[in-house]
Amino acid sequence: MDLTAEDFFRALCQDMAKRGTTSRELVALEFDPESGDISVFGGAAVHAAGYPALETILEKIGRACVADGIAVHQLRRITFLEEQVILEGVSRTGEWELRTYPTEERPH
């Protein structure tokens, strides 16, 4: 059985937390569709102290992927910016897709 995006990001979060990775250090995650490897790019405190927790961000991405019909095997890169997360992947028809999600909910 395939993992849902929510399950995948929950497991990824747990693994990254065990390794001591925090959201403040993340610049990008790259997904290799051939090998299944995930490359983590980051640096010391790249993001501000108020940046959302790793669990919060990855949970939001997982829910968004499920809601938008994005399967884990379609993911290619996630870039973590201060106010948004950019998700890059391949659609079911093979087209390159780029989606952005705010890191925080903004009042309307």
PDB file of N, CA and C in Angstrom:
ATOM      1  N   MET A   1       0.843  -1.188   0.000  1.00  0.00           N
ATOM      2  CA  MET A   1       0.000   0.000   0.000  1.00  0.00           C
ATOM      3  C   MET A   1       0.886   1.249   0.000  1.00  0.00           C
ATOM      4  N   ASP A   2       0.549   2.209  -0.853  1.00  0.00           N
ATOM      5  CA  ASP A   2       1.296   3.455  -0.932  1.00  0.00           C
ATOM      6  C   ASP A   2       0.952   4.361   0.238  1.00  0.00           C
ATOM      7  N   LEU A   3       1.949   5.095   0.694  1.00  0.00           N
ATOM      8  CA  LEU A   3       1.725   6.095   1.733  1.00  0.00           C
ATOM      9  C   LEU A   3       0.992   7.287   1.144  1.00  0.00           C
ATOM     10  N   THR A   4       0.095   7.872   1.906  1.00  0.00           N
ATOM     11  CA  THR A   4      -0.470   9.152   1.479  1.00  0.00           C
ATOM     12  C   THR A   4       0.595  10.210   1.730  1.00  0.00           C
ATOM     13  N   ALA A   5       0.405  11.368   1.128  1.00  0.00           N
ATOM     14  CA  ALA A   5       1.355  12.458   1.352  1.00  0.00           C
ATOM     15  C   ALA A   5       1.402  12.833   2.827  1.00  0.00           C
ATOM     16  N   GLU A   6       0.258  12.792   3.498  1.00  0.00           N
ATOM     17  CA  GLU A   6       0.241  13.114   4.934  1.00  0.00           C
ATOM     18  C   GLU A   6       1.096  12.130   5.715  1.00  0.00           C
ATOM     19  N   ASP A   7       0.952  10.833   5.422  1.00  0.00           N
ATOM     20  CA  ASP A   7       1.747   9.802   6.107  1.00  0.00           C
ATOM     21  C   ASP A   7       3.232   9.972   5.799  1.00  0.00           C
ATOM     22  N   PHE A   8       3.532  10.245   4.536  1.00  0.00           N
ATOM     23  CA  PHE A   8       4.913  10.427   4.112  1.00  0.00           C
ATOM     24  C   PHE A   8       5.565  11.586   4.852  1.00  0.00           C
ATOM     25  N   PHE A   9       4.889  12.735   4.892  1.00  0.00           N
ATOM     26  CA  PHE A   9       5.481  13.913   5.543  1.00  0.00           C
ATOM     27  C   PHE A   9       5.543  13.748   7.059  1.00  0.00           C
ATOM     28  N   ARG A  10       4.623  13.004   7.632  1.00  0.00           N
ATOM     29  CA  ARG A  10       4.684  12.715   9.074  1.00  0.00           C
ATOM     30  C   ARG A  10       5.940  11.888   9.370  1.00  0.00           C
ATOM     31  N   ALA A  11       6.175  10.844   8.568  1.00  0.00           N
ATOM     32  CA  ALA A  11       7.354   9.996   8.760  1.00  0.00           C
ATOM     33  C   ALA A  11       8.642  10.772   8.489  1.00  0.00           C
ATOM     34  N   LEU A  12       8.634  11.604   7.445  1.00  0.00           N
ATOM     35  CA  LEU A  12       9.806  12.427   7.126  1.00  0.00           C
ATOM     36  C   LEU A  12      10.121  13.375   8.275  1.00  0.00           C
ATOM     37  N   CYS A  13       9.095  13.986   8.833  1.00  0.00           N
ATOM     38  CA  CYS A  13       9.278  14.903   9.960  1.00  0.00           C
ATOM     39  C   CYS A  13       9.911  14.183  11.140  1.00  0.00           C
ATOM     40  N   GLN A  14       9.417  12.997  11.451  1.00  0.00           N
ATOM     41  CA  GLN A  14       9.967  12.232  12.566  1.00  0.00           C
ATOM     42  C   GLN A  14      11.437  11.906  12.329  1.00  0.00           C
ATOM     43  N   ASP A  15      11.764  11.499  11.096  1.00  0.00           N
ATOM     44  CA  ASP A  15      13.146  11.164  10.769  1.00  0.00           C
ATOM     45  C   ASP A  15      14.047  12.396  10.865  1.00  0.00           C
ATOM     46  N   MET A  16      13.583  13.514  10.332  1.00  0.00           N
ATOM     47  CA  MET A  16      14.391  14.731  10.371  1.00  0.00           C
ATOM     48  C   MET A  16      14.567  15.227  11.799  1.00  0.00           C
ATOM     49  N   ALA A  17      13.525  15.130  12.615  1.00  0.00           N
ATOM     50  CA  ALA A  17      13.622  15.555  14.016  1.00  0.00           C
ATOM     51  C   ALA A  17      14.632  14.692  14.765  1.00  0.00           C
ATOM     52  N   LYS A  18      14.647  13.384  14.487  1.00  0.00           N
ATOM     53  CA  LYS A  18      15.619  12.486  15.120  1.00  0.00           C
ATOM     54  C   LYS A  18      17.048  12.887  14.775  1.00  0.00           C
ATOM     55  N   ARG A  19      17.223  13.439  13.585  1.00  0.00           N
ATOM     56  CA  ARG A  19      18.552  13.866  13.129  1.00  0.00           C
ATOM     57  C   ARG A  19      18.894  15.277  13.596  1.00  0.00           C
ATOM     58  N   GLY A  20      17.950  15.913  14.289  1.00  0.00           N
ATOM     59  CA  GLY A  20      18.199  17.248  14.831  1.00  0.00           C
ATOM     60  C   GLY A  20      17.888  18.385  13.877  1.00  0.00           C
ATOM     61  N   THR A  21      17.223  18.100  12.765  1.00  0.00           N
ATOM     62  CA  THR A  21      16.886  19.141  11.788  1.00  0.00           C
ATOM     63  C   THR A  21      15.696  19.947  12.290  1.00  0.00           C
ATOM     64  N   THR A  22      15.786  21.257  12.172  1.00  0.00           N
ATOM     65  CA  THR A  22      14.668  22.126  12.517  1.00  0.00           C
ATOM     66  C   THR A  22      14.238  22.899  11.275  1.00  0.00           C
ATOM     67  N   SER A  23      13.041  23.448  11.324  1.00  0.00           N
ATOM     68  CA  SER A  23      12.526  24.210  10.190  1.00  0.00           C
ATOM     69  C   SER A  23      13.356  25.464   9.927  1.00  0.00           C
ATOM     70  N   ARG A  24      13.927  26.031  10.960  1.00  0.00           N
ATOM     71  CA  ARG A  24      14.712  27.264  10.799  1.00  0.00           C
ATOM     72  C   ARG A  24      15.955  27.042   9.953  1.00  0.00           C
ATOM     73  N   GLU A  25      16.411  25.800   9.840  1.00  0.00           N
ATOM     74  CA  GLU A  25      17.620  25.471   9.086  1.00  0.00           C
ATOM     75  C   GLU A  25      17.332  25.085   7.638  1.00  0.00           C
ATOM     76  N   LEU A  26      16.082  24.805   7.314  1.00  0.00           N
ATOM     77  CA  LEU A  26      15.749  24.262   5.996  1.00  0.00           C
ATOM     78  C   LEU A  26      15.727  25.307   4.891  1.00  0.00           C
ATOM     79  N   VAL A  27      16.384  24.971   3.804  1.00  0.00           N
ATOM     80  CA  VAL A  27      16.332  25.770   2.593  1.00  0.00           C
ATOM     81  C   VAL A  27      15.510  25.023   1.543  1.00  0.00           C
ATOM     82  N   ALA A  28      15.780  23.717   1.399  1.00  0.00           N
ATOM     83  CA  ALA A  28      15.053  22.935   0.396  1.00  0.00           C
ATOM     84  C   ALA A  28      15.170  21.441   0.675  1.00  0.00           C
ATOM     85  N   LEU A  29      14.199  20.713   0.135  1.00  0.00           N
ATOM     86  CA  LEU A  29      14.231  19.260   0.076  1.00  0.00           C
ATOM     87  C   LEU A  29      14.123  18.898  -1.396  1.00  0.00           C
ATOM     88  N   GLU A  30      14.993  18.003  -1.871  1.00  0.00           N
ATOM     89  CA  GLU A  30      14.904  17.536  -3.249  1.00  0.00           C
ATOM     90  C   GLU A  30      14.635  16.045  -3.240  1.00  0.00           C
ATOM     91  N   PHE A  31      13.713  15.630  -4.098  1.00  0.00           N
ATOM     92  CA  PHE A  31      13.275  14.252  -4.178  1.00  0.00           C
ATOM     93  C   PHE A  31      13.747  13.635  -5.486  1.00  0.00           C
ATOM     94  N   ASP A  32      14.475  12.520  -5.400  1.00  0.00           N
ATOM     95  CA  ASP A  32      14.950  11.818  -6.589  1.00  0.00           C
ATOM     96  C   ASP A  32      13.961  10.697  -6.896  1.00  0.00           C
ATOM     97  N   PRO A  33      13.199  10.829  -7.993  1.00  0.00           N
ATOM     98  CA  PRO A  33      12.180   9.830  -8.290  1.00  0.00           C
ATOM     99  C   PRO A  33      12.741   8.454  -8.645  1.00  0.00           C
ATOM    100  N   GLU A  34      13.970   8.413  -9.125  1.00  0.00           N
ATOM    101  CA  GLU A  34      14.582   7.141  -9.510  1.00  0.00           C
ATOM    102  C   GLU A  34      15.017   6.324  -8.291  1.00  0.00           C
ATOM    103  N   SER A  35      15.735   6.975  -7.390  1.00  0.00           N
ATOM    104  CA  SER A  35      16.295   6.264  -6.234  1.00  0.00           C
ATOM    105  C   SER A  35      15.402   6.321  -4.998  1.00  0.00           C
ATOM    106  N   GLY A  36      14.521   7.340  -4.956  1.00  0.00           N
ATOM    107  CA  GLY A  36      13.716   7.553  -3.758  1.00  0.00           C
ATOM    108  C   GLY A  36      14.452   8.338  -2.687  1.00  0.00           C
ATOM    109  N   ASP A  37      15.677   8.768  -2.990  1.00  0.00           N
ATOM    110  CA  ASP A  37      16.468   9.535  -2.023  1.00  0.00           C
ATOM    111  C   ASP A  37      15.916  10.948  -1.870  1.00  0.00           C
ATOM    112  N   ILE A  38      16.119  11.494  -0.682  1.00  0.00           N
ATOM    113  CA  ILE A  38      15.724  12.869  -0.385  1.00  0.00           C
ATOM    114  C   ILE A  38      16.977  13.615   0.055  1.00  0.00           C
ATOM    115  N   SER A  39      17.287  14.706  -0.648  1.00  0.00           N
ATOM    116  CA  SER A  39      18.427  15.548  -0.274  1.00  0.00           C
ATOM    117  C   SER A  39      17.907  16.726   0.528  1.00  0.00           C
ATOM    118  N   VAL A  40      18.577  17.004   1.640  1.00  0.00           N
ATOM    119  CA  VAL A  40      18.188  18.107   2.518  1.00  0.00           C
ATOM    120  C   VAL A  40      19.239  19.200   2.390  1.00  0.00           C
ATOM    121  N   PHE A  41      18.776  20.417   2.064  1.00  0.00           N
ATOM    122  CA  PHE A  41      19.674  21.563   1.947  1.00  0.00           C
ATOM    123  C   PHE A  41      19.322  22.561   3.041  1.00  0.00           C
ATOM    124  N   GLY A  42      20.328  23.058   3.729  1.00  0.00           N
ATOM    125  CA  GLY A  42      20.050  24.006   4.798  1.00  0.00           C
ATOM    126  C   GLY A  42      21.308  24.636   5.331  1.00  0.00           C
ATOM    127  N   GLY A  43      21.102  25.404   6.386  1.00  0.00           N
ATOM    128  CA  GLY A  43      22.206  26.087   7.032  1.00  0.00           C
ATOM    129  C   GLY A  43      21.772  26.512   8.418  1.00  0.00           C
ATOM    130  N   ALA A  44      22.678  27.016   9.189  1.00  0.00           N
ATOM    131  CA  ALA A  44      22.381  27.414  10.565  1.00  0.00           C
ATOM    132  C   ALA A  44      21.427  28.612  10.590  1.00  0.00           C
ATOM    133  N   ALA A  45      20.285  28.431  11.168  1.00  0.00           N
ATOM    134  CA  ALA A  45      19.290  29.493  11.404  1.00  0.00           C
ATOM    135  C   ALA A  45      19.064  30.381  10.179  1.00  0.00           C
ATOM    136  N   VAL A  46      18.685  29.769   9.081  1.00  0.00           N
ATOM    137  CA  VAL A  46      18.392  30.498   7.857  1.00  0.00           C
ATOM    138  C   VAL A  46      17.144  31.360   8.021  1.00  0.00           C
ATOM    139  N   HIS A  47      16.172  30.850   8.773  1.00  0.00           N
ATOM    140  CA  HIS A  47      14.899  31.542   8.960  1.00  0.00           C
ATOM    141  C   HIS A  47      14.808  32.191  10.343  1.00  0.00           C
ATOM    142  N   ALA A  48      13.932  33.181  10.467  1.00  0.00           N
ATOM    143  CA  ALA A  48      13.747  33.942  11.709  1.00  0.00           C
ATOM    144  C   ALA A  48      13.249  33.046  12.843  1.00  0.00           C
ATOM    145  N   ALA A  49      13.425  33.528  14.062  1.00  0.00           N
ATOM    146  CA  ALA A  49      13.044  32.771  15.259  1.00  0.00           C
ATOM    147  C   ALA A  49      11.565  32.397  15.281  1.00  0.00           C
ATOM    148  N   GLY A  50      10.696  33.196  14.666  1.00  0.00           N
ATOM    149  CA  GLY A  50       9.266  32.910  14.660  1.00  0.00           C
ATOM    150  C   GLY A  50       8.810  31.995  13.544  1.00  0.00           C
ATOM    151  N   TYR A  51       9.746  31.410  12.785  1.00  0.00           N
ATOM    152  CA  TYR A  51       9.388  30.523  11.678  1.00  0.00           C
ATOM    153  C   TYR A  51       8.648  29.312  12.231  1.00  0.00           C
ATOM    154  N   PRO A  52       7.587  28.862  11.561  1.00  0.00           N
ATOM    155  CA  PRO A  52       6.804  27.735  12.073  1.00  0.00           C
ATOM    156  C   PRO A  52       7.645  26.467  12.268  1.00  0.00           C
ATOM    157  N   ALA A  53       7.218  25.638  13.191  1.00  0.00           N
ATOM    158  CA  ALA A  53       7.916  24.392  13.502  1.00  0.00           C
ATOM    159  C   ALA A  53       7.903  23.446  12.303  1.00  0.00           C
ATOM    160  N   LEU A  54       8.899  22.577  12.230  1.00  0.00           N
ATOM    161  CA  LEU A  54       9.014  21.597  11.158  1.00  0.00           C
ATOM    162  C   LEU A  54       7.736  20.775  11.032  1.00  0.00           C
ATOM    163  N   GLU A  55       7.229  20.300  12.149  1.00  0.00           N
ATOM    164  CA  GLU A  55       6.008  19.494  12.146  1.00  0.00           C
ATOM    165  C   GLU A  55       4.836  20.269  11.546  1.00  0.00           C
ATOM    166  N   THR A  56       4.702  21.524  11.906  1.00  0.00           N
ATOM    167  CA  THR A  56       3.608  22.365  11.398  1.00  0.00           C
ATOM    168  C   THR A  56       3.689  22.520   9.887  1.00  0.00           C
ATOM    169  N   ILE A  57       4.871  22.813   9.391  1.00  0.00           N
ATOM    170  CA  ILE A  57       5.045  23.030   7.956  1.00  0.00           C
ATOM    171  C   ILE A  57       4.831  21.745   7.170  1.00  0.00           C
ATOM    172  N   LEU A  58       5.469  20.650   7.589  1.00  0.00           N
ATOM    173  CA  LEU A  58       5.345  19.406   6.837  1.00  0.00           C
ATOM    174  C   LEU A  58       3.925  18.843   6.910  1.00  0.00           C
ATOM    175  N   GLU A  59       3.249  19.038   8.042  1.00  0.00           N
ATOM    176  CA  GLU A  59       1.852  18.614   8.156  1.00  0.00           C
ATOM    177  C   GLU A  59       0.986  19.397   7.161  1.00  0.00           C
ATOM    178  N   LYS A  60       1.228  20.698   7.076  1.00  0.00           N
ATOM    179  CA  LYS A  60       0.473  21.551   6.144  1.00  0.00           C
ATOM    180  C   LYS A  60       0.723  21.117   4.700  1.00  0.00           C
ATOM    181  N   ILE A  61       1.980  20.827   4.357  1.00  0.00           N
ATOM    182  CA  ILE A  61       2.307  20.383   3.003  1.00  0.00           C
ATOM    183  C   ILE A  61       1.618  19.054   2.705  1.00  0.00           C
ATOM    184  N   GLY A  62       1.651  18.136   3.653  1.00  0.00           N
ATOM    185  CA  GLY A  62       0.993  16.842   3.458  1.00  0.00           C
ATOM    186  C   GLY A  62      -0.495  16.979   3.208  1.00  0.00           C
ATOM    187  N   ARG A  63      -1.155  17.814   4.008  1.00  0.00           N
ATOM    188  CA  ARG A  63      -2.598  18.046   3.821  1.00  0.00           C
ATOM    189  C   ARG A  63      -2.880  18.700   2.478  1.00  0.00           C
ATOM    190  N   ALA A  64      -2.039  19.672   2.101  1.00  0.00           N
ATOM    191  CA  ALA A  64      -2.222  20.361   0.821  1.00  0.00           C
ATOM    192  C   ALA A  64      -2.040  19.392  -0.350  1.00  0.00           C
ATOM    193  N   CYS A  65      -1.060  18.518  -0.258  1.00  0.00           N
ATOM    194  CA  CYS A  65      -0.844  17.532  -1.322  1.00  0.00           C
ATOM    195  C   CYS A  65      -2.063  16.623  -1.476  1.00  0.00           C
ATOM    196  N   VAL A  66      -2.596  16.153  -0.367  1.00  0.00           N
ATOM    197  CA  VAL A  66      -3.780  15.301  -0.424  1.00  0.00           C
ATOM    198  C   VAL A  66      -4.949  16.080  -1.030  1.00  0.00           C
ATOM    199  N   ALA A  67      -5.164  17.299  -0.558  1.00  0.00           N
ATOM    200  CA  ALA A  67      -6.277  18.119  -1.053  1.00  0.00           C
ATOM    201  C   ALA A  67      -6.129  18.437  -2.543  1.00  0.00           C
ATOM    202  N   ASP A  68      -4.880  18.632  -3.003  1.00  0.00           N
ATOM    203  CA  ASP A  68      -4.627  18.989  -4.395  1.00  0.00           C
ATOM    204  C   ASP A  68      -4.372  17.776  -5.288  1.00  0.00           C
ATOM    205  N   GLY A  69      -4.468  16.576  -4.709  1.00  0.00           N
ATOM    206  CA  GLY A  69      -4.282  15.357  -5.499  1.00  0.00           C
ATOM    207  C   GLY A  69      -2.852  15.106  -5.932  1.00  0.00           C
ATOM    208  N   ILE A  70      -1.884  15.564  -5.129  1.00  0.00           N
ATOM    209  CA  ILE A  70      -0.470  15.371  -5.453  1.00  0.00           C
ATOM    210  C   ILE A  70       0.041  14.137  -4.725  1.00  0.00           C
ATOM    211  N   ALA A  71       0.523  13.164  -5.491  1.00  0.00           N
ATOM    212  CA  ALA A  71       1.081  11.946  -4.909  1.00  0.00           C
ATOM    213  C   ALA A  71       2.568  12.153  -4.601  1.00  0.00           C
ATOM    214  N   VAL A  72       3.071  11.388  -3.648  1.00  0.00           N
ATOM    215  CA  VAL A  72       4.467  11.516  -3.225  1.00  0.00           C
ATOM    216  C   VAL A  72       5.423  11.340  -4.401  1.00  0.00           C
ATOM    217  N   HIS A  73       5.156  10.397  -5.299  1.00  0.00           N
ATOM    218  CA  HIS A  73       6.072  10.140  -6.419  1.00  0.00           C
ATOM    219  C   HIS A  73       6.133  11.302  -7.424  1.00  0.00           C
ATOM    220  N   GLN A  74       5.217  12.268  -7.308  1.00  0.00           N
ATOM    221  CA  GLN A  74       5.220  13.428  -8.198  1.00  0.00           C
ATOM    222  C   GLN A  74       6.120  14.556  -7.686  1.00  0.00           C
ATOM    223  N   LEU A  75       6.509  14.505  -6.430  1.00  0.00           N
ATOM    224  CA  LEU A  75       7.303  15.570  -5.812  1.00  0.00           C
ATOM    225  C   LEU A  75       8.727  15.587  -6.340  1.00  0.00           C
ATOM    226  N   ARG A  76       9.256  16.796  -6.569  1.00  0.00           N
ATOM    227  CA  ARG A  76      10.645  16.940  -6.996  1.00  0.00           C
ATOM    228  C   ARG A  76      11.438  17.861  -6.076  1.00  0.00           C
ATOM    229  N   ARG A  77      10.831  18.941  -5.606  1.00  0.00           N
ATOM    230  CA  ARG A  77      11.566  19.881  -4.748  1.00  0.00           C
ATOM    231  C   ARG A  77      10.575  20.689  -3.918  1.00  0.00           C
ATOM    232  N   ILE A  78      10.970  20.967  -2.682  1.00  0.00           N
ATOM    233  CA  ILE A  78      10.244  21.892  -1.824  1.00  0.00           C
ATOM    234  C   ILE A  78      11.256  22.929  -1.356  1.00  0.00           C
ATOM    235  N   THR A  79      10.945  24.199  -1.603  1.00  0.00           N
ATOM    236  CA  THR A  79      11.818  25.291  -1.200  1.00  0.00           C
ATOM    237  C   THR A  79      11.138  26.047  -0.066  1.00  0.00           C
ATOM    238  N   PHE A  80      11.862  26.263   1.020  1.00  0.00           N
ATOM    239  CA  PHE A  80      11.328  26.907   2.213  1.00  0.00           C
ATOM    240  C   PHE A  80      11.783  28.362   2.253  1.00  0.00           C
ATOM    241  N   LEU A  81      10.866  29.266   1.973  1.00  0.00           N
ATOM    242  CA  LEU A  81      11.142  30.695   2.044  1.00  0.00           C
ATOM    243  C   LEU A  81      10.522  31.249   3.323  1.00  0.00           C
ATOM    244  N   GLU A  82      10.823  32.477   3.636  1.00  0.00           N
ATOM    245  CA  GLU A  82      10.352  33.055   4.902  1.00  0.00           C
ATOM    246  C   GLU A  82       8.826  33.071   5.011  1.00  0.00           C
ATOM    247  N   GLU A  83       8.133  33.474   3.957  1.00  0.00           N
ATOM    248  CA  GLU A  83       6.677  33.608   4.039  1.00  0.00           C
ATOM    249  C   GLU A  83       5.910  32.581   3.223  1.00  0.00           C
ATOM    250  N   GLN A  84       6.620  31.747   2.479  1.00  0.00           N
ATOM    251  CA  GLN A  84       5.928  30.732   1.691  1.00  0.00           C
ATOM    252  C   GLN A  84       6.809  29.520   1.450  1.00  0.00           C
ATOM    253  N   VAL A  85       6.154  28.441   1.079  1.00  0.00           N
ATOM    254  CA  VAL A  85       6.817  27.207   0.693  1.00  0.00           C
ATOM    255  C   VAL A  85       6.461  26.970  -0.768  1.00  0.00           C
ATOM    256  N   ILE A  86       7.459  26.674  -1.584  1.00  0.00           N
ATOM    257  CA  ILE A  86       7.223  26.408  -2.999  1.00  0.00           C
ATOM    258  C   ILE A  86       7.407  24.913  -3.240  1.00  0.00           C
ATOM    259  N   LEU A  87       6.370  24.294  -3.757  1.00  0.00           N
ATOM    260  CA  LEU A  87       6.390  22.872  -4.041  1.00  0.00           C
ATOM    261  C   LEU A  87       6.472  22.687  -5.553  1.00  0.00           C
ATOM    262  N   GLU A  88       7.475  21.946  -5.997  1.00  0.00           N
ATOM    263  CA  GLU A  88       7.655  21.671  -7.418  1.00  0.00           C
ATOM    264  C   GLU A  88       7.489  20.182  -7.646  1.00  0.00           C
ATOM    265  N   GLY A  89       6.833  19.853  -8.753  1.00  0.00           N
ATOM    266  CA  GLY A  89       6.625  18.455  -9.059  1.00  0.00           C
ATOM    267  C   GLY A  89       6.150  18.261 -10.474  1.00  0.00           C
ATOM    268  N   VAL A  90       5.816  17.022 -10.770  1.00  0.00           N
ATOM    269  CA  VAL A  90       5.365  16.644 -12.093  1.00  0.00           C
ATOM    270  C   VAL A  90       3.909  16.208 -11.981  1.00  0.00           C
ATOM    271  N   SER A  91       3.075  16.732 -12.885  1.00  0.00           N
ATOM    272  CA  SER A  91       1.659  16.364 -12.876  1.00  0.00           C
ATOM    273  C   SER A  91       1.494  14.933 -13.386  1.00  0.00           C
ATOM    274  N   ARG A  92       0.299  14.427 -13.296  1.00  0.00           N
ATOM    275  CA  ARG A  92       0.016  13.077 -13.804  1.00  0.00           C
ATOM    276  C   ARG A  92       0.220  12.975 -15.308  1.00  0.00           C
ATOM    277  N   THR A  93       0.157  14.124 -15.992  1.00  0.00           N
ATOM    278  CA  THR A  93       0.349  14.138 -17.444  1.00  0.00           C
ATOM    279  C   THR A  93       1.792  14.451 -17.832  1.00  0.00           C
ATOM    280  N   GLY A  94       2.670  14.592 -16.831  1.00  0.00           N
ATOM    281  CA  GLY A  94       4.083  14.831 -17.093  1.00  0.00           C
ATOM    282  C   GLY A  94       4.489  16.283 -17.188  1.00  0.00           C
ATOM    283  N   GLU A  95       3.557  17.190 -16.947  1.00  0.00           N
ATOM    284  CA  GLU A  95       3.860  18.620 -16.985  1.00  0.00           C
ATOM    285  C   GLU A  95       4.481  19.070 -15.658  1.00  0.00           C
ATOM    286  N   TRP A  96       5.423  20.024 -15.743  1.00  0.00           N
ATOM    287  CA  TRP A  96       6.048  20.578 -14.540  1.00  0.00           C
ATOM    288  C   TRP A  96       5.036  21.475 -13.834  1.00  0.00           C
ATOM    289  N   GLU A  97       4.883  21.312 -12.525  1.00  0.00           N
ATOM    290  CA  GLU A  97       3.955  22.131 -11.748  1.00  0.00           C
ATOM    291  C   GLU A  97       4.680  22.822 -10.609  1.00  0.00           C
ATOM    292  N   LEU A  98       4.250  24.020 -10.321  1.00  0.00           N
ATOM    293  CA  LEU A  98       4.802  24.805  -9.228  1.00  0.00           C
ATOM    294  C   LEU A  98       3.621  25.341  -8.415  1.00  0.00           C
ATOM    295  N   ARG A  99       3.628  25.074  -7.129  1.00  0.00           N
ATOM    296  CA  ARG A  99       2.562  25.555  -6.245  1.00  0.00           C
ATOM    297  C   ARG A  99       3.201  26.252  -5.058  1.00  0.00           C
ATOM    298  N   THR A 100       2.543  27.290  -4.577  1.00  0.00           N
ATOM    299  CA  THR A 100       3.047  27.985  -3.392  1.00  0.00           C
ATOM    300  C   THR A 100       2.013  27.914  -2.285  1.00  0.00           C
ATOM    301  N   TYR A 101       2.493  27.803  -1.074  1.00  0.00           N
ATOM    302  CA  TYR A 101       1.658  27.749   0.117  1.00  0.00           C
ATOM    303  C   TYR A 101       2.258  28.682   1.160  1.00  0.00           C
ATOM    304  N   PRO A 102       1.432  29.490   1.829  1.00  0.00           N
ATOM    305  CA  PRO A 102       1.974  30.376   2.877  1.00  0.00           C
ATOM    306  C   PRO A 102       2.485  29.546   4.059  1.00  0.00           C
ATOM    307  N   THR A 103       3.541  30.028   4.704  1.00  0.00           N
ATOM    308  CA  THR A 103       4.030  29.316   5.884  1.00  0.00           C
ATOM    309  C   THR A 103       3.096  29.529   7.070  1.00  0.00           C
ATOM    310  N   GLU A 104       2.418  30.654   7.088  1.00  0.00           N
ATOM    311  CA  GLU A 104       1.477  30.976   8.155  1.00  0.00           C
ATOM    312  C   GLU A 104       0.136  31.359   7.555  1.00  0.00           C
ATOM    313  N   GLU A 105      -0.932  31.053   8.267  1.00  0.00           N
ATOM    314  CA  GLU A 105      -2.252  31.517   7.835  1.00  0.00           C
ATOM    315  C   GLU A 105      -2.317  33.006   8.083  1.00  0.00           C
ATOM    316  N   ARG A 106      -2.777  33.734   7.112  1.00  0.00           N
ATOM    317  CA  ARG A 106      -2.903  35.185   7.233  1.00  0.00           C
ATOM    318  C   ARG A 106      -4.379  35.552   7.454  1.00  0.00           C
ATOM    319  N   PRO A 107      -4.649  36.496   8.355  1.00  0.00           N
ATOM    320  CA  PRO A 107      -6.032  36.927   8.530  1.00  0.00           C
ATOM    321  C   PRO A 107      -6.534  37.614   7.264  1.00  0.00           C
ATOM    322  N   HIS A 108      -7.811  37.452   6.998  1.00  0.00           N
ATOM    323  CA  HIS A 108      -8.403  38.043   5.778  1.00  0.00           C
ATOM    324  C   HIS A 108      -8.778  39.476   5.990  1.00  0.00           C
TER     325      HIS A 108
END
